[in-house]
Protein backbone atom coordinates (compact mmCIF):
# COMPACT_ATOMS: atom_id res chain seq x y z
CA MET A 1 -22.44 5.28 -11.86
CA LEU A 2 -20.73 2.02 -10.90
CA ASP A 3 -17.85 2.97 -13.19
CA LEU A 4 -17.28 6.24 -11.31
CA ILE A 5 -17.30 4.46 -7.90
CA ALA A 6 -14.77 1.88 -9.13
CA VAL A 7 -12.47 4.59 -10.43
CA ILE A 8 -12.60 6.45 -7.15
CA VAL A 9 -11.82 3.34 -5.12
CA VAL A 10 -9.00 2.48 -7.47
CA ILE A 11 -7.53 6.03 -7.11
CA VAL A 12 -7.72 5.74 -3.39
CA ALA A 13 -6.03 2.24 -3.46
CA VAL A 14 -3.25 3.51 -5.70
CA VAL A 15 -2.65 6.53 -3.47
CA ALA A 16 -2.58 4.20 -0.27
CA VAL A 17 -0.22 1.74 -1.88
CA VAL A 18 2.25 4.44 -3.11
CA GLY A 19 2.15 6.01 0.35
CA PHE A 20 2.95 2.73 2.01
CA GLY A 21 5.73 1.95 -0.48
CA ALA A 22 7.27 5.41 -0.21
CA TYR A 23 7.25 5.17 3.58
CA LEU A 24 9.04 1.82 3.48
CA ALA A 25 11.58 3.25 1.07
CA LEU A 26 12.11 6.21 3.44
CA LEU A 27 12.57 3.99 6.44
CA ASN A 28 14.94 1.65 4.51
CA SER A 29 17.00 4.59 3.38
CA ALA A 30 17.31 5.97 6.89
CA ALA A 31 18.19 2.60 8.19
CA ARG A 32 20.94 2.06 5.69
CA LYS A 33 22.52 5.53 6.55
CA ARG A 34 22.71 4.50 10.23
CA GLY A 35 24.80 1.30 9.37
CA ALA A 36 24.76 -1.42 11.86
CA SER A 37 22.51 0.40 14.36
CA GLY A 38 19.75 0.48 11.64
CA ASN A 39 19.84 -3.31 10.99
CA GLN A 40 16.64 -3.96 13.00
CA VAL A 41 14.66 -1.35 11.06
CA ALA A 42 16.12 -2.60 7.77
CA HIS A 43 15.09 -6.14 8.58
CA TYR A 44 11.53 -4.99 9.51
CA VAL A 45 11.24 -3.13 6.21
CA LYS A 46 12.60 -6.17 4.29
CA GLY A 47 9.73 -8.18 5.76
CA ARG A 48 7.10 -5.71 4.87
CA TRP A 49 8.05 -5.37 1.14
CA PRO A 50 6.00 -8.52 0.21
CA VAL A 51 2.95 -6.89 1.77
CA ALA A 52 3.50 -3.75 -0.29
CA GLY A 53 3.96 -5.86 -3.44
CA VAL A 54 0.75 -7.74 -2.91
CA THR A 55 -1.20 -4.65 -2.20
CA ALA A 56 0.25 -2.99 -5.33
CA ALA A 57 -0.65 -6.02 -7.34
CA GLY A 58 -4.20 -5.82 -6.07
CA ALA A 59 -4.55 -2.07 -6.86
CA LEU A 60 -3.23 -2.73 -10.31
CA LEU A 61 -5.67 -5.56 -10.97
CA GLY A 62 -8.48 -3.34 -9.66
CA TRP A 63 -7.30 -0.71 -12.13
CA LEU A 64 -7.46 -3.06 -14.96
CA LEU A 65 -10.88 -4.41 -13.97
CA SER A 66 -12.31 -0.94 -13.52
CA GLY A 67 -12.37 -0.53 -17.36
CA GLY A 68 -15.17 -3.26 -17.63
CA SER A 69 -18.74 -2.98 -16.84
CA GLY A 70 -21.14 -4.50 -14.25
CA PHE A 71 -19.48 -7.52 -12.55
CA ALA A 72 -15.97 -6.39 -13.45
CA ASP A 73 -16.63 -3.07 -11.74
CA VAL A 74 -17.76 -4.89 -8.62
CA LEU A 75 -14.60 -6.99 -8.63
CA ALA A 76 -12.61 -3.93 -9.11
CA ILE A 77 -14.18 -2.23 -6.16
CA LEU A 78 -13.72 -5.23 -3.87
CA ILE A 79 -10.13 -5.95 -4.88
CA ALA A 80 -8.92 -2.27 -4.87
CA GLY A 81 -10.83 -1.54 -1.68
CA GLY A 82 -9.19 -4.61 -0.01
CA SER A 83 -5.68 -3.43 -1.21
CA ALA A 84 -6.41 0.13 0.00
CA GLY A 85 -7.49 -1.22 3.46
CA VAL A 86 -4.51 -3.42 3.82
CA ALA A 87 -1.98 -0.83 2.56
CA GLY A 88 -3.54 1.90 4.81
CA SER A 89 -3.63 -0.42 7.85
CA SER A 90 -0.04 -1.51 7.26
CA LEU A 91 1.08 2.11 6.85
CA SER A 92 -0.53 3.32 10.05
CA THR A 93 0.97 0.26 11.96
CA THR A 94 4.39 0.97 10.57
CA MET A 95 4.15 4.73 11.24
CA ALA A 96 3.03 4.05 14.79
CA LYS A 97 5.83 1.68 15.39
CA TYR A 98 8.58 4.11 14.30
CA ARG A 99 6.96 7.50 15.18
CA SER A 100 9.40 9.60 17.20
CA GLY A 101 8.83 12.64 19.43
CA SER A 102 5.87 11.39 21.44
């Protein structure tokens, strides 16, 4: 049962990390197309890439640990859950900062 929980948490973490990285890539692409007027957004995105990298590393480590049993599964849940939380929070903060239309 603990294996199943660890796998589900790891899947959620991977989805959150990929979503955050994809949104940063989207913002960076749009900022580069704008040229000089997109420099501020490009600079912000450049500062957020380390967060995306660390959360991706945490999700990957959780994925690797989820193949174990007992204590390794608990570590996988904690590490992947933390990565998912940070990636999700960073994604929502970034989306709120650059949301248009409202």
